[in-house]
Amino acid sequence: MCVMASAQDKALPVEFSGIVCTEVNTNFEGRWNNANLMFLTAKAPLWQGATFTGELGGFHDIGMEKHGGWWSVANDRQYFTNLPIGNFLTLSQFNITQQILDNLSAKFGVFKAGEFFVTPTNSLFLNTSIVTPPVFGNRWYMPCYHQQALGLNLTWEIVPGLTVKNSLFNGVASRQWSRVFNFRPGHDGIMDIAQVIYKDADDDNYIGEYRAGIAYADALQPGQIDKHKSTAWMAHIDQPVVTGAYPVAVTLGGVVSKEKVNYAYQYYNAGAVVKNVLLPGSRLGVNLCRAYFSDGVHESDVEVEYALPIFKNVEIQPGVHFIRTSGESTTAALVRASIFF
């Protein structure tokens, strides 16, 4: 996936950053798609301990066609690429973060929930249903990537390395400017995500990042007029196994919910990433994603991704996906280019 970098002009109190990303993908049978995105982010200090963050997200597709009822050229349920389709400009972030205590901060405004699902190791991989597992992305209006919601986040570092996060959102996220500031629990419902995270401050050891959490929704679902309740449990591990010139880390994750409520009710992934293969700063990874759906469909996706820096702020990422959906197999490939500034 695309990860932002930042740069700061020392003459200005405002920090600007951005990314431009384009991707072409195909199924080797004549189907192809091209999706593009751009994020522009600004951060500015306000009063003591407070920071404002504003972000615009632009999305554009070329030659995008709907294939067999799906937007993916592979007709896969998990949607192997996490770039959204469509042509639109959205307000991705508009929030204030306030440091309350040395170990406690609060964020209020429009933002996304990606921080609960993206880790340093699994960020290489694309098959996360638009940066959320399909348990969430296939059934709820999640505040993720291309759509966002008004919410309140509390982050508390209980002891060094051990952090608790909780975000309460309006129950319906949107990419429409007129709706992202809505807070209508009576109509839209609510969504709450809580997570406990342990991560050692020193990256050069065998202590990784470990997460466990729960998500609760009493909210509208796409195509429904009544709210539905659902609870999902999630866990994730990023574990270093080799250090040195070619560090290796494994990533394991899972999300489980009730089959009768969620269209996708189980999701698991297991992968490994090795750094500095061929080029310094490069990442090569293999990941297996497995999803179960309430209509009896089950799907596996083995993805191989290689992200290599071409210049200081330019990265190229080719990838290939071997997908099997209830006995039917297909292959998809992609090339993604990202420019950071």
Protein backbone atom coordinates (compact mmCIF):
# COMPACT_ATOMS: atom_id res chain seq x y z
CA MET A 1 0.00 0.00 0.00
CA CYS A 2 1.03 3.63 -0.26
CA VAL A 3 2.55 5.20 2.84
CA MET A 4 3.04 8.92 3.18
CA ALA A 5 6.32 10.68 3.83
CA SER A 6 6.61 14.25 5.05
CA ALA A 7 8.86 17.23 4.55
CA GLN A 8 8.95 20.54 6.36
CA ASP A 9 9.94 24.00 5.26
CA LYS A 10 11.89 25.46 8.19
CA ALA A 11 10.67 28.96 7.33
CA LEU A 12 7.04 27.96 7.81
CA PRO A 13 5.21 26.66 10.88
CA VAL A 14 3.09 24.48 8.57
CA GLU A 15 4.29 21.02 7.57
CA PHE A 16 3.28 19.85 4.11
CA SER A 17 3.43 16.34 2.68
CA GLY A 18 1.91 14.42 -0.15
CA ILE A 19 1.83 11.41 -2.40
CA VAL A 20 0.91 10.73 -6.01
CA CYS A 21 0.24 7.10 -6.86
CA THR A 22 -0.76 5.32 -10.07
CA GLU A 23 -1.41 1.64 -10.70
CA VAL A 24 -2.17 -0.59 -13.69
CA ASN A 25 -3.46 -4.12 -13.07
CA THR A 26 -4.54 -6.97 -15.32
CA ASN A 27 -5.77 -10.56 -15.26
CA PHE A 28 -3.67 -11.57 -18.33
CA GLU A 29 -6.90 -12.20 -20.28
CA GLY A 30 -7.50 -8.76 -21.75
CA ARG A 31 -8.99 -7.08 -18.70
CA TRP A 32 -7.09 -4.15 -17.25
CA ASN A 33 -7.70 -1.26 -14.91
CA ASN A 34 -5.82 1.92 -14.08
CA ALA A 35 -6.43 3.76 -10.79
CA ASN A 36 -4.75 6.90 -9.48
CA LEU A 37 -4.73 8.81 -6.23
CA MET A 38 -3.19 11.91 -4.73
CA PHE A 39 -3.07 13.04 -1.11
CA LEU A 40 -2.07 16.53 0.03
CA THR A 41 -1.60 16.94 3.77
CA ALA A 42 -0.96 19.99 5.94
CA LYS A 43 -0.19 20.04 9.66
CA ALA A 44 -0.02 23.21 11.72
CA PRO A 45 0.54 23.91 15.41
CA LEU A 46 -2.29 25.68 17.18
CA TRP A 47 -2.27 26.46 20.89
CA GLN A 48 -0.04 24.62 23.35
CA GLY A 49 -0.11 20.88 22.77
CA ALA A 50 -2.56 21.09 19.85
CA THR A 51 -2.02 20.30 16.17
CA PHE A 52 -4.38 20.73 13.23
CA THR A 53 -4.31 18.23 10.34
CA GLY A 54 -6.03 18.79 7.03
CA GLU A 55 -5.86 16.47 4.03
CA LEU A 56 -7.35 16.36 0.55
CA GLY A 57 -7.61 13.11 -1.36
CA GLY A 58 -8.11 12.96 -5.11
CA PHE A 59 -9.04 9.75 -6.96
CA HIS A 60 -9.25 9.11 -10.70
CA ASP A 61 -9.52 6.04 -12.91
CA ILE A 62 -8.83 5.54 -16.61
CA GLY A 63 -10.25 2.70 -18.66
CA MET A 64 -12.00 1.32 -15.59
CA GLU A 65 -14.71 -1.16 -16.48
CA LYS A 66 -17.04 -3.22 -14.37
CA HIS A 67 -16.23 -6.87 -15.04
CA GLY A 68 -18.77 -9.56 -14.26
CA GLY A 69 -20.44 -7.49 -11.55
CA TRP A 70 -17.13 -6.67 -9.83
CA TRP A 71 -14.77 -3.75 -10.12
CA SER A 72 -11.79 -6.07 -9.86
CA VAL A 73 -10.37 -7.58 -13.05
CA ALA A 74 -10.00 -10.85 -11.12
CA ASN A 75 -13.65 -10.91 -9.93
CA ASP A 76 -12.31 -11.62 -6.45
CA ARG A 77 -14.31 -10.97 -3.30
CA GLN A 78 -11.41 -9.42 -1.39
CA TYR A 79 -10.52 -6.96 -4.18
CA PHE A 80 -6.80 -7.65 -4.53
CA THR A 81 -5.80 -3.99 -5.04
CA ASN A 82 -6.56 -1.44 -2.32
CA LEU A 83 -6.88 1.60 -4.60
CA PRO A 84 -10.51 2.75 -4.75
CA ILE A 85 -12.27 3.39 -8.04
CA GLY A 86 -14.12 6.50 -9.16
CA ASN A 87 -13.40 10.12 -9.91
CA PHE A 88 -13.80 12.34 -6.89
CA LEU A 89 -12.13 14.75 -4.48
CA THR A 90 -12.63 14.10 -0.79
CA LEU A 91 -11.74 15.73 2.53
CA SER A 92 -9.63 12.92 3.96
CA GLN A 93 -8.75 14.58 7.26
CA PHE A 94 -9.87 17.65 9.15
CA ASN A 95 -9.08 17.26 12.82
CA ILE A 96 -7.32 18.60 15.90
CA THR A 97 -5.06 16.50 18.11
CA GLN A 98 -4.65 17.73 21.69
CA GLN A 99 -1.95 16.43 24.02
CA ILE A 100 -3.77 16.24 27.36
CA LEU A 101 -1.04 14.59 29.43
CA ASP A 102 2.43 13.34 28.57
CA ASN A 103 0.94 9.91 27.86
CA LEU A 104 -2.62 10.83 26.81
CA SER A 105 -3.87 12.55 23.65
CA ALA A 106 -7.25 13.15 22.04
CA LYS A 107 -8.12 13.66 18.38
CA PHE A 108 -11.45 15.09 17.27
CA GLY A 109 -12.75 15.74 13.78
CA VAL A 110 -12.76 13.93 10.46
CA PHE A 111 -10.25 11.08 10.15
CA LYS A 112 -9.85 7.43 9.18
CA ALA A 113 -9.45 4.14 11.03
CA GLY A 114 -6.52 2.77 9.05
CA GLU A 115 -4.16 2.98 12.02
CA PHE A 116 -6.00 0.03 13.58
CA PHE A 117 -5.30 -2.29 10.64
CA VAL A 118 -2.03 -1.20 8.99
CA THR A 119 1.31 -2.22 10.55
CA PRO A 120 4.92 -1.68 9.42
CA THR A 121 5.11 -5.23 8.00
CA ASN A 122 1.68 -5.74 6.45
CA SER A 123 1.78 -2.27 4.84
CA LEU A 124 3.63 -3.86 1.91
CA PHE A 125 0.63 -6.00 1.02
CA LEU A 126 -2.44 -4.80 -0.86
CA ASN A 127 -5.09 -7.41 -0.17
CA THR A 128 -6.79 -5.79 2.80
CA SER A 129 -10.01 -4.68 1.15
CA ILE A 130 -9.19 -0.97 0.91
CA VAL A 131 -7.06 -0.97 4.05
CA THR A 132 -9.62 -2.79 6.17
CA PRO A 133 -10.15 -6.54 6.34
CA PRO A 134 -13.20 -7.61 4.28
CA VAL A 135 -15.06 -8.37 7.52
CA PHE A 136 -15.40 -4.59 7.82
CA GLY A 137 -14.92 -3.32 4.29
CA ASN A 138 -17.55 -5.57 2.68
CA ARG A 139 -20.39 -4.70 5.04
CA TRP A 140 -19.94 -1.38 6.83
CA TYR A 141 -19.44 2.23 5.81
CA MET A 142 -15.94 2.16 7.32
CA PRO A 143 -13.87 5.34 7.75
CA CYS A 144 -10.95 4.09 5.67
CA TYR A 145 -8.75 5.39 2.87
CA HIS A 146 -11.29 6.95 0.48
CA GLN A 147 -14.10 7.67 2.93
CA GLN A 148 -14.04 9.05 6.45
CA ALA A 149 -16.26 10.02 9.36
CA LEU A 150 -16.51 12.41 12.27
CA GLY A 151 -15.00 10.81 15.34
CA LEU A 152 -13.14 11.05 18.62
CA ASN A 153 -9.92 9.13 19.25
CA LEU A 154 -8.20 8.68 22.61
CA THR A 155 -4.62 7.32 22.76
CA TRP A 156 -3.17 6.40 26.14
CA GLU A 157 0.34 5.04 26.63
CA ILE A 158 -0.11 3.19 29.90
CA VAL A 159 3.57 2.32 30.24
CA PRO A 160 6.38 2.72 27.68
CA GLY A 161 5.54 0.46 24.75
CA LEU A 162 2.00 -0.43 25.87
CA THR A 163 -0.73 1.73 24.30
CA VAL A 164 -4.52 1.66 24.29
CA LYS A 165 -6.46 3.33 21.47
CA ASN A 166 -10.18 3.89 21.08
CA SER A 167 -12.04 5.62 18.27
CA LEU A 168 -15.76 6.40 18.29
CA PHE A 169 -17.16 7.28 14.85
CA ASN A 170 -20.43 8.27 13.31
CA GLY A 171 -21.93 5.03 12.02
CA VAL A 172 -21.79 5.98 8.32
CA ALA A 173 -18.55 7.12 6.74
CA SER A 174 -18.66 8.99 3.46
CA ARG A 175 -16.49 10.56 0.80
CA GLN A 176 -19.02 13.37 0.27
CA TRP A 177 -17.99 16.71 1.74
CA SER A 178 -21.54 17.44 2.92
CA ARG A 179 -21.67 14.24 5.01
CA VAL A 180 -18.27 13.75 6.58
CA PHE A 181 -19.11 16.11 9.46
CA ASN A 182 -22.39 14.33 10.25
CA PHE A 183 -22.90 12.93 13.73
CA ARG A 184 -26.34 11.31 13.66
CA PRO A 185 -26.31 8.25 15.94
CA GLY A 186 -30.10 8.09 15.82
CA HIS A 187 -30.08 7.66 12.03
CA ASP A 188 -26.57 6.49 11.07
CA GLY A 189 -25.70 4.69 14.29
CA ILE A 190 -22.20 4.48 15.78
CA MET A 191 -19.01 2.49 15.30
CA ASP A 192 -16.37 2.01 17.98
CA ILE A 193 -12.92 0.44 17.59
CA ALA A 194 -10.65 -0.30 20.55
CA GLN A 195 -7.17 -1.80 20.47
CA VAL A 196 -4.28 -2.65 22.78
CA ILE A 197 -0.84 -2.38 21.19
CA TYR A 198 2.58 -3.37 22.45
CA LYS A 199 5.65 -2.22 20.52
CA ASP A 200 9.19 -1.95 21.80
CA ALA A 201 10.88 1.40 21.25
CA ASP A 202 14.03 -0.31 19.90
CA ASP A 203 13.54 -1.70 16.38
CA ASP A 204 16.85 -3.58 16.33
CA ASN A 205 15.77 -6.63 18.33
CA TYR A 206 13.37 -9.57 18.23
CA ILE A 207 10.50 -7.79 19.96
CA GLY A 208 7.86 -6.93 17.38
CA GLU A 209 4.44 -5.32 17.43
CA TYR A 210 1.44 -7.09 18.95
CA ARG A 211 -2.18 -5.97 18.73
CA ALA A 212 -5.55 -7.16 19.98
CA GLY A 213 -8.83 -5.34 19.66
CA ILE A 214 -12.56 -5.28 19.23
CA ALA A 215 -14.88 -3.37 16.91
CA TYR A 216 -18.54 -2.74 17.61
CA ALA A 217 -21.08 -1.32 15.19
CA ASP A 218 -24.73 -0.43 15.62
CA ALA A 219 -25.03 1.23 12.26
CA LEU A 220 -26.43 1.28 8.76
CA GLN A 221 -25.08 -1.15 6.20
CA PRO A 222 -24.90 -0.45 2.44
CA GLY A 223 -28.30 -0.97 0.85
CA GLN A 224 -30.11 -1.23 4.19
CA ILE A 225 -32.54 1.19 5.82
CA ASP A 226 -32.33 -0.26 9.33
CA LYS A 227 -29.30 -0.33 11.61
CA HIS A 228 -27.63 -3.63 12.44
CA LYS A 229 -25.44 -4.60 15.37
CA SER A 230 -22.18 -6.46 14.96
CA THR A 231 -19.06 -7.21 16.97
CA ALA A 232 -15.72 -8.32 15.55
CA TRP A 233 -12.57 -9.43 17.35
CA MET A 234 -9.16 -8.86 15.81
CA ALA A 235 -5.52 -9.68 16.54
CA HIS A 236 -2.28 -9.01 14.73
CA ILE A 237 1.40 -9.82 15.17
CA ASP A 238 4.46 -8.36 13.46
CA GLN A 239 7.36 -10.56 14.54
CA PRO A 240 11.03 -10.04 13.53
CA VAL A 241 12.76 -13.37 12.95
CA VAL A 242 16.07 -12.26 11.39
CA THR A 243 18.04 -9.07 12.02
CA GLY A 244 21.12 -7.71 10.29
CA ALA A 245 21.70 -6.70 6.66
CA TYR A 246 18.63 -8.58 5.39
CA PRO A 247 16.03 -8.38 8.17
CA VAL A 248 13.03 -10.67 7.96
CA ALA A 249 9.68 -10.26 9.74
CA VAL A 250 6.53 -12.34 9.68
CA THR A 251 3.02 -10.93 9.91
CA LEU A 252 -0.01 -12.79 11.21
CA GLY A 253 -3.54 -11.45 11.57
CA GLY A 254 -7.16 -12.38 11.94
CA VAL A 255 -10.64 -10.90 12.28
CA VAL A 256 -13.69 -12.92 13.36
CA SER A 257 -17.35 -11.89 13.57
CA LYS A 258 -20.79 -13.50 13.47
CA GLU A 259 -21.71 -15.16 10.19
CA LYS A 260 -25.38 -14.12 10.25
CA VAL A 261 -24.58 -10.40 10.48
CA ASN A 262 -21.48 -9.85 8.36
CA TYR A 263 -21.21 -10.78 4.69
CA ALA A 264 -17.52 -11.55 5.24
CA TYR A 265 -17.28 -13.03 8.73
CA GLN A 266 -13.74 -14.43 8.97
CA TYR A 267 -10.44 -13.16 7.60
CA TYR A 268 -6.89 -14.42 8.22
CA ASN A 269 -3.50 -13.55 6.80
CA ALA A 270 0.04 -14.89 7.18
CA GLY A 271 3.06 -13.46 5.42
CA ALA A 272 6.75 -12.64 5.54
CA VAL A 273 8.81 -9.66 4.39
CA VAL A 274 12.57 -9.45 3.79
CA LYS A 275 14.30 -6.10 3.31
CA ASN A 276 17.23 -4.96 1.15
CA VAL A 277 16.91 -7.64 -1.55
CA LEU A 278 18.81 -6.43 -4.64
CA LEU A 279 18.50 -2.78 -3.59
CA PRO A 280 18.95 -1.08 -0.18
CA GLY A 281 15.57 -0.10 1.23
CA SER A 282 13.62 -2.57 -0.90
CA ARG A 283 11.00 -4.95 0.52
CA LEU A 284 10.08 -8.37 -0.84
CA GLY A 285 7.11 -10.19 0.64
CA VAL A 286 4.73 -13.12 0.31
CA ASN A 287 1.32 -13.09 1.98
CA LEU A 288 -1.61 -15.52 2.15
CA CYS A 289 -5.07 -14.04 2.73
CA ARG A 290 -8.07 -16.25 3.47
CA ALA A 291 -11.65 -14.98 3.73
CA TYR A 292 -14.99 -16.69 4.46
CA PHE A 293 -18.34 -15.30 3.33
CA SER A 294 -21.85 -15.92 4.61
CA ASP A 295 -23.10 -17.20 1.23
CA GLY A 296 -20.70 -20.14 1.46
CA VAL A 297 -17.93 -18.68 -0.68
CA HIS A 298 -14.36 -18.99 0.61
CA GLU A 299 -11.40 -17.33 -1.03
CA SER A 300 -7.60 -17.48 -0.81
CA ASP A 301 -5.15 -14.98 -2.27
CA VAL A 302 -1.40 -15.58 -2.33
CA GLU A 303 0.25 -12.28 -3.17
CA VAL A 304 3.91 -11.61 -3.94
CA GLU A 305 4.96 -7.95 -3.70
CA TYR A 306 8.30 -6.23 -4.30
CA ALA A 307 8.66 -2.54 -3.45
CA LEU A 308 11.90 -0.95 -4.59
CA PRO A 309 13.02 2.66 -4.24
CA ILE A 310 14.15 4.10 -7.58
CA PHE A 311 15.10 7.53 -6.29
CA LYS A 312 14.85 9.13 -2.87
CA ASN A 313 11.14 9.90 -3.21
CA VAL A 314 10.07 7.44 -5.92
CA GLU A 315 9.02 3.83 -5.40
CA ILE A 316 7.97 1.14 -7.88
CA GLN A 317 5.99 -1.89 -6.69
CA PRO A 318 5.22 -4.82 -8.99
CA GLY A 319 3.07 -7.62 -7.64
CA VAL A 320 1.27 -10.80 -8.62
CA HIS A 321 -1.77 -12.46 -7.02
CA PHE A 322 -2.80 -16.10 -7.25
CA ILE A 323 -6.47 -16.18 -6.30
CA ARG A 324 -8.76 -19.15 -5.72
CA THR A 325 -12.46 -18.54 -5.06
CA SER A 326 -14.49 -21.63 -4.14
CA GLY A 327 -12.50 -23.82 -6.51
CA GLU A 328 -12.13 -21.28 -9.35
CA SER A 329 -8.60 -19.96 -9.95
CA THR A 330 -7.36 -16.73 -11.50
CA THR A 331 -4.14 -14.74 -11.62
CA ALA A 332 -3.74 -10.98 -11.48
CA ALA A 333 -0.71 -8.73 -11.71
CA LEU A 334 -0.05 -5.06 -11.12
CA VAL A 335 2.57 -2.36 -11.25
CA ARG A 336 2.31 0.61 -8.89
CA ALA A 337 4.40 3.78 -8.92
CA SER A 338 4.44 6.24 -6.02
CA ILE A 339 6.03 9.68 -5.66
CA PHE A 340 6.39 11.15 -2.17
CA PHE A 341 6.97 14.81 -1.40
